[in-house]
Amino acid sequence: MVHGKWSAGDYVFNIVNYTVLLLLVLACIYPFYYIFIYSISDAKAASTGMSVTFLPVQVTLRNYMEVFKIEGMAQAALISVLRTGIGTAATVLCSGFFAYLVTKPLYFRKAIYRMTIITMYFSPGLIPVYLTMRMYHLYNNFWVYIVPGLVSAYYVILIKTFIEQLPASLEESAMLDGAGAITIFSRIIFPLSMPIIATIAVFVAVGHWNSWFDNYIYVQPKELTTLQLKLYQMLRAASAQAEKAIQATGPLAHEETSITPMAIRMTVTMVVTLPILFVYPFMQRYFVKGIMMGAIKG
């Protein structure tokens, strides 16, 4: 292209380029769109041959009504919200302060930091972790969702790398004014590290919101059940009931059910995904900047 004039080759290149990019965008968006339109389609109609491709079939909210009618759903949602909120704040603060400390000239600083990094490569296994949770009285305790993830080696690396890029003169000025480590971290380092903090907060929040296996292993009381485990149990129960009905009386009995396992699966996926999708746009402006600046050097 010369002086604003496009040649035939430029037109061909742009057409091909935009076409490929559009196909990539559709490939990323369509799976989620399909899950949404299936979740608002009539379960019986969708399971008996009517195609759910680009538009929902017999739009209804019955699938969501069935899911939210589960006993204990409100309590499970509250536990998941509390776990996500408290767990995210605690992990960000603890990992952030630990990362700040290992940037200072402390005794055995390198040894402590290296021991932290080693935990990324070796896992003790399920049985030792289970016994540890019982020994610390975290079994059947809400804090089993929070305490094990207070400090993450991966997040420590990102925050430490980000902090090391900040001007040292800021801390020196604060120290001359008599500020201590906690004051410097809370009033200077933490606010300036907001890009990487917001990035990590997104990672941690998604992990807490989607987690259900620790609930399955360590927590038995129903009042501490998370939303994800509750929905997982419903999905398994619906699938087992549908399979039992088919084996007992044939396919026609399954057709009479008001909601199918596939409809439950799609609806559950929407329920557990939408809250995170609503949170992400508020963190997006920090996300790319934080992950790039936190990974410039190791």
Protein backbone atom coordinates (compact mmCIF):
# COMPACT_ATOMS: atom_id res chain seq x y z
CA MET A 1 0.00 0.00 0.00
CA VAL A 2 1.50 3.37 -1.08
CA HIS A 3 0.15 6.87 -0.27
CA GLY A 4 -3.16 5.46 1.02
CA LYS A 5 -3.90 3.41 -2.10
CA TRP A 6 -4.63 -0.29 -1.78
CA SER A 7 -3.53 -2.78 -4.38
CA ALA A 8 -5.44 -5.93 -5.27
CA GLY A 9 -3.08 -7.90 -3.03
CA ASP A 10 -3.87 -5.61 -0.07
CA TYR A 11 -7.60 -6.18 -0.54
CA VAL A 12 -7.12 -9.94 -0.71
CA PHE A 13 -4.90 -9.94 2.37
CA ASN A 14 -7.38 -7.90 4.44
CA ILE A 15 -10.33 -10.02 3.36
CA VAL A 16 -8.52 -13.24 4.28
CA ASN A 17 -7.21 -11.72 7.51
CA TYR A 18 -10.59 -10.47 8.72
CA THR A 19 -12.27 -13.71 7.69
CA VAL A 20 -9.82 -15.82 9.70
CA LEU A 21 -10.11 -13.53 12.73
CA LEU A 22 -13.90 -13.61 12.54
CA LEU A 23 -13.88 -17.41 12.42
CA LEU A 24 -11.59 -17.52 15.45
CA VAL A 25 -13.89 -15.18 17.37
CA LEU A 26 -16.92 -17.31 16.50
CA ALA A 27 -15.05 -20.47 17.50
CA CYS A 28 -14.39 -18.93 20.93
CA ILE A 29 -17.84 -17.44 21.50
CA TYR A 30 -20.14 -20.07 20.00
CA PRO A 31 -19.60 -22.84 22.62
CA PHE A 32 -20.69 -20.53 25.41
CA TYR A 33 -23.57 -19.19 23.29
CA TYR A 34 -24.71 -22.76 22.57
CA ILE A 35 -24.70 -23.60 26.28
CA PHE A 36 -26.81 -20.51 26.97
CA ILE A 37 -29.46 -21.15 24.30
CA TYR A 38 -29.68 -24.82 25.30
CA SER A 39 -30.19 -23.86 28.95
CA ILE A 40 -33.19 -21.68 28.04
CA SER A 41 -34.66 -24.24 25.63
CA ASP A 42 -37.38 -26.68 26.56
CA ALA A 43 -35.57 -29.82 27.77
CA LYS A 44 -38.03 -32.28 26.22
CA ALA A 45 -38.05 -30.52 22.84
CA ALA A 46 -34.26 -30.26 22.75
CA SER A 47 -33.84 -33.95 23.56
CA THR A 48 -36.33 -35.29 21.03
CA GLY A 49 -34.73 -34.18 17.79
CA MET A 50 -35.46 -30.45 17.56
CA SER A 51 -32.17 -28.80 16.66
CA VAL A 52 -30.64 -26.28 19.06
CA THR A 53 -28.04 -24.65 16.83
CA PHE A 54 -28.35 -20.88 16.61
CA LEU A 55 -31.69 -20.20 18.32
CA PRO A 56 -33.31 -21.70 21.44
CA VAL A 57 -36.21 -24.13 21.07
CA GLN A 58 -39.42 -23.20 22.91
CA VAL A 59 -37.80 -20.63 25.22
CA THR A 60 -38.39 -21.37 28.91
CA LEU A 61 -36.78 -20.76 32.28
CA ARG A 62 -37.94 -24.12 33.63
CA ASN A 63 -34.40 -25.50 33.67
CA TYR A 64 -33.21 -22.68 35.94
CA MET A 65 -36.28 -23.03 38.15
CA GLU A 66 -35.55 -26.73 38.61
CA VAL A 67 -31.92 -26.05 39.47
CA PHE A 68 -32.71 -23.31 41.98
CA LYS A 69 -35.37 -25.45 43.65
CA ILE A 70 -32.65 -27.73 45.03
CA GLU A 71 -32.84 -27.94 48.82
CA GLY A 72 -30.07 -25.93 50.45
CA MET A 73 -29.20 -24.00 47.29
CA ALA A 74 -29.29 -20.58 49.02
CA GLN A 75 -27.01 -21.78 51.84
CA ALA A 76 -24.61 -23.36 49.34
CA ALA A 77 -24.49 -20.15 47.30
CA LEU A 78 -23.75 -18.15 50.47
CA ILE A 79 -20.89 -20.50 51.39
CA SER A 80 -19.41 -20.18 47.89
CA VAL A 81 -19.65 -16.39 48.00
CA LEU A 82 -18.05 -16.24 51.45
CA ARG A 83 -15.35 -18.67 50.42
CA THR A 84 -14.55 -16.73 47.27
CA GLY A 85 -14.53 -13.33 48.98
CA ILE A 86 -12.60 -14.26 52.12
CA GLY A 87 -10.28 -16.68 50.32
CA THR A 88 -9.38 -14.19 47.60
CA ALA A 89 -8.68 -11.35 50.05
CA ALA A 90 -6.65 -13.59 52.39
CA THR A 91 -4.55 -15.14 49.61
CA VAL A 92 -3.81 -11.78 48.00
CA LEU A 93 -2.75 -10.21 51.31
CA CYS A 94 -0.71 -13.16 52.60
CA SER A 95 1.00 -13.96 49.30
CA GLY A 96 1.63 -10.27 48.69
CA PHE A 97 3.20 -9.62 52.10
CA PHE A 98 5.28 -12.79 51.90
CA ALA A 99 6.52 -11.75 48.43
CA TYR A 100 7.41 -8.32 49.82
CA LEU A 101 9.37 -9.86 52.68
CA VAL A 102 11.49 -12.07 50.42
CA THR A 103 12.60 -8.96 48.52
CA LYS A 104 14.23 -7.64 51.73
CA PRO A 105 17.66 -8.59 53.14
CA LEU A 106 16.46 -11.15 55.69
CA TYR A 107 18.31 -14.07 57.27
CA PHE A 108 17.97 -17.25 55.17
CA ARG A 109 15.93 -15.30 52.64
CA LYS A 110 17.19 -17.26 49.64
CA ALA A 111 16.66 -20.60 51.40
CA ILE A 112 13.08 -19.67 52.36
CA TYR A 113 12.31 -18.48 48.85
CA ARG A 114 13.77 -21.60 47.26
CA MET A 115 11.84 -23.86 49.63
CA THR A 116 8.69 -22.02 48.59
CA ILE A 117 9.47 -22.58 44.92
CA ILE A 118 10.07 -26.30 45.52
CA THR A 119 6.41 -26.70 46.52
CA MET A 120 5.50 -26.01 42.87
CA TYR A 121 7.25 -29.20 41.76
CA PHE A 122 6.44 -31.69 44.54
CA SER A 123 3.10 -32.65 46.04
CA PRO A 124 2.75 -34.71 49.24
CA GLY A 125 -0.30 -36.55 47.92
CA LEU A 126 -3.90 -36.76 49.04
CA ILE A 127 -3.48 -38.95 52.15
CA PRO A 128 -0.76 -36.83 53.87
CA VAL A 129 -2.75 -33.67 53.13
CA TYR A 130 -5.91 -35.28 54.51
CA LEU A 131 -4.12 -36.29 57.72
CA THR A 132 -2.65 -32.80 58.04
CA MET A 133 -6.09 -31.20 57.77
CA ARG A 134 -7.39 -33.46 60.52
CA MET A 135 -4.37 -32.79 62.72
CA TYR A 136 -4.88 -29.02 62.45
CA HIS A 137 -8.62 -29.44 63.15
CA LEU A 138 -9.59 -28.15 59.72
CA TYR A 139 -11.66 -31.23 58.89
CA ASN A 140 -15.37 -30.30 58.71
CA ASN A 141 -14.36 -26.68 59.19
CA PHE A 142 -15.07 -23.72 56.90
CA TRP A 143 -11.43 -22.60 57.16
CA VAL A 144 -10.26 -25.67 55.27
CA TYR A 145 -11.36 -23.73 52.17
CA ILE A 146 -9.16 -20.75 53.09
CA VAL A 147 -6.04 -21.72 55.06
CA PRO A 148 -4.34 -24.21 52.67
CA GLY A 149 -4.20 -21.60 49.89
CA LEU A 150 -3.08 -18.56 51.87
CA VAL A 151 0.38 -18.55 50.25
CA SER A 152 0.92 -19.75 46.69
CA ALA A 153 4.43 -20.06 45.25
CA TYR A 154 3.27 -19.02 41.78
CA TYR A 155 1.61 -15.85 43.05
CA VAL A 156 4.63 -15.07 45.22
CA ILE A 157 6.86 -15.19 42.16
CA LEU A 158 4.63 -12.81 40.20
CA ILE A 159 4.26 -10.30 43.04
CA LYS A 160 7.95 -10.46 43.98
CA THR A 161 8.99 -9.77 40.39
CA PHE A 162 6.58 -6.85 40.17
CA ILE A 163 7.74 -5.32 43.48
CA GLU A 164 11.39 -5.53 42.44
CA GLN A 165 10.58 -3.24 39.49
CA LEU A 166 9.28 -0.46 41.74
CA PRO A 167 11.69 2.43 42.51
CA ALA A 168 13.67 1.74 45.69
CA SER A 169 13.61 5.47 46.50
CA LEU A 170 9.95 5.20 47.50
CA GLU A 171 10.73 2.81 50.35
CA GLU A 172 13.83 4.73 51.35
CA SER A 173 11.84 7.95 51.69
CA ALA A 174 9.21 6.20 53.80
CA MET A 175 11.86 4.63 56.03
CA LEU A 176 13.44 8.03 56.62
CA ASP A 177 10.03 9.21 57.83
CA GLY A 178 9.93 6.33 60.32
CA ALA A 179 7.59 3.96 58.48
CA GLY A 180 7.85 0.25 59.27
CA ALA A 181 7.54 -2.74 56.98
CA ILE A 182 3.78 -3.10 57.43
CA THR A 183 3.17 0.61 56.83
CA ILE A 184 5.36 0.63 53.73
CA PHE A 185 3.64 -2.45 52.35
CA SER A 186 0.07 -1.30 53.05
CA ARG A 187 0.44 2.35 51.99
CA ILE A 188 3.07 2.23 49.25
CA ILE A 189 3.84 -1.23 47.86
CA PHE A 190 0.33 -2.69 47.84
CA PRO A 191 -1.38 0.28 46.09
CA LEU A 192 1.40 0.52 43.49
CA SER A 193 1.16 -3.23 42.87
CA MET A 194 -2.53 -3.08 42.04
CA PRO A 195 -2.12 -4.37 38.44
CA ILE A 196 -0.54 -7.65 39.55
CA ILE A 197 -2.77 -7.81 42.64
CA ALA A 198 -5.91 -7.54 40.51
CA THR A 199 -4.57 -10.17 38.12
CA ILE A 200 -3.94 -12.62 40.95
CA ALA A 201 -7.30 -11.79 42.51
CA VAL A 202 -9.00 -12.95 39.31
CA PHE A 203 -7.05 -16.22 39.32
CA VAL A 204 -7.78 -16.89 43.00
CA ALA A 205 -11.46 -15.96 42.77
CA VAL A 206 -12.01 -18.26 39.80
CA GLY A 207 -10.22 -21.08 41.60
CA HIS A 208 -12.29 -20.70 44.78
CA TRP A 209 -15.58 -20.32 42.92
CA ASN A 210 -15.03 -23.43 40.78
CA SER A 211 -13.55 -25.63 43.50
CA TRP A 212 -15.59 -28.53 44.85
CA PHE A 213 -13.15 -31.39 45.43
CA ASP A 214 -11.88 -30.09 48.80
CA ASN A 215 -15.51 -29.84 49.91
CA TYR A 216 -16.04 -33.43 48.77
CA ILE A 217 -12.99 -34.70 50.69
CA TYR A 218 -12.72 -32.58 53.83
CA VAL A 219 -16.21 -31.27 54.64
CA GLN A 220 -19.25 -33.42 55.44
CA PRO A 221 -21.83 -31.07 57.09
CA LYS A 222 -24.51 -29.98 54.63
CA GLU A 223 -24.49 -26.42 55.97
CA LEU A 224 -20.90 -26.01 54.71
CA THR A 225 -21.55 -27.46 51.24
CA THR A 226 -20.49 -25.19 48.38
CA LEU A 227 -22.63 -24.35 45.38
CA GLN A 228 -20.40 -26.27 42.99
CA LEU A 229 -20.63 -29.53 44.96
CA LYS A 230 -24.39 -29.10 45.35
CA LEU A 231 -24.83 -28.70 41.60
CA TYR A 232 -22.46 -31.59 40.92
CA GLN A 233 -24.52 -33.83 43.18
CA MET A 234 -27.69 -32.77 41.39
CA LEU A 235 -26.16 -33.54 38.02
CA ARG A 236 -25.09 -37.01 39.13
CA ALA A 237 -28.50 -37.72 40.65
CA ALA A 238 -30.33 -36.58 37.51
CA SER A 239 -28.08 -38.68 35.27
CA ALA A 240 -28.52 -41.76 37.47
CA GLN A 241 -32.29 -41.30 37.60
CA ALA A 242 -32.54 -40.92 33.82
CA GLU A 243 -30.40 -44.00 33.21
CA LYS A 244 -32.46 -46.00 35.69
CA ALA A 245 -35.71 -44.94 34.00
CA ILE A 246 -34.40 -45.93 30.56
CA GLN A 247 -33.24 -49.34 31.76
CA ALA A 248 -36.48 -50.00 33.62
CA THR A 249 -39.19 -49.01 31.15
CA GLY A 250 -37.47 -48.02 27.91
CA PRO A 251 -36.75 -44.71 26.21
CA LEU A 252 -40.35 -43.47 26.33
CA ALA A 253 -40.18 -43.07 30.09
CA HIS A 254 -37.16 -40.82 29.75
CA GLU A 255 -38.96 -38.61 27.28
CA GLU A 256 -41.59 -37.80 29.89
CA THR A 257 -39.13 -36.28 32.31
CA SER A 258 -39.43 -32.53 32.70
CA ILE A 259 -35.68 -31.85 32.62
CA THR A 260 -32.95 -33.98 31.07
CA PRO A 261 -29.38 -34.53 32.30
CA MET A 262 -28.08 -32.57 29.29
CA ALA A 263 -30.31 -29.62 30.17
CA ILE A 264 -29.10 -29.78 33.78
CA ARG A 265 -25.49 -29.90 32.61
CA MET A 266 -25.95 -26.81 30.43
CA THR A 267 -27.87 -24.92 33.10
CA VAL A 268 -25.34 -25.76 35.82
CA THR A 269 -22.53 -24.56 33.56
CA MET A 270 -24.28 -21.21 33.12
CA VAL A 271 -24.98 -20.86 36.84
CA VAL A 272 -21.37 -21.40 37.87
CA THR A 273 -19.88 -19.34 35.02
CA LEU A 274 -21.97 -16.16 34.96
CA PRO A 275 -20.80 -14.72 38.34
CA ILE A 276 -17.17 -14.86 37.24
CA LEU A 277 -18.02 -13.32 33.87
CA PHE A 278 -19.62 -10.38 35.66
CA VAL A 279 -16.54 -9.86 37.84
CA TYR A 280 -13.92 -10.12 35.09
CA PRO A 281 -14.74 -6.85 33.20
CA PHE A 282 -13.95 -4.83 36.33
CA MET A 283 -10.48 -6.43 36.51
CA GLN A 284 -9.74 -6.53 32.79
CA ARG A 285 -7.88 -3.21 32.64
CA TYR A 286 -5.36 -4.55 35.19
CA PHE A 287 -5.21 -8.10 33.87
CA VAL A 288 -2.94 -7.87 30.81
CA LYS A 289 -0.71 -5.19 32.31
CA GLY A 290 -0.27 -7.14 35.53
CA ILE A 291 0.52 -10.50 34.01
CA MET A 292 3.01 -8.98 31.57
CA MET A 293 4.85 -6.83 34.10
CA GLY A 294 4.89 -9.65 36.64
CA ALA A 295 6.54 -12.02 34.18
CA ILE A 296 9.27 -9.83 32.68
CA LYS A 297 11.99 -11.41 34.75
CA GLY A 298 12.04 -14.47 36.97
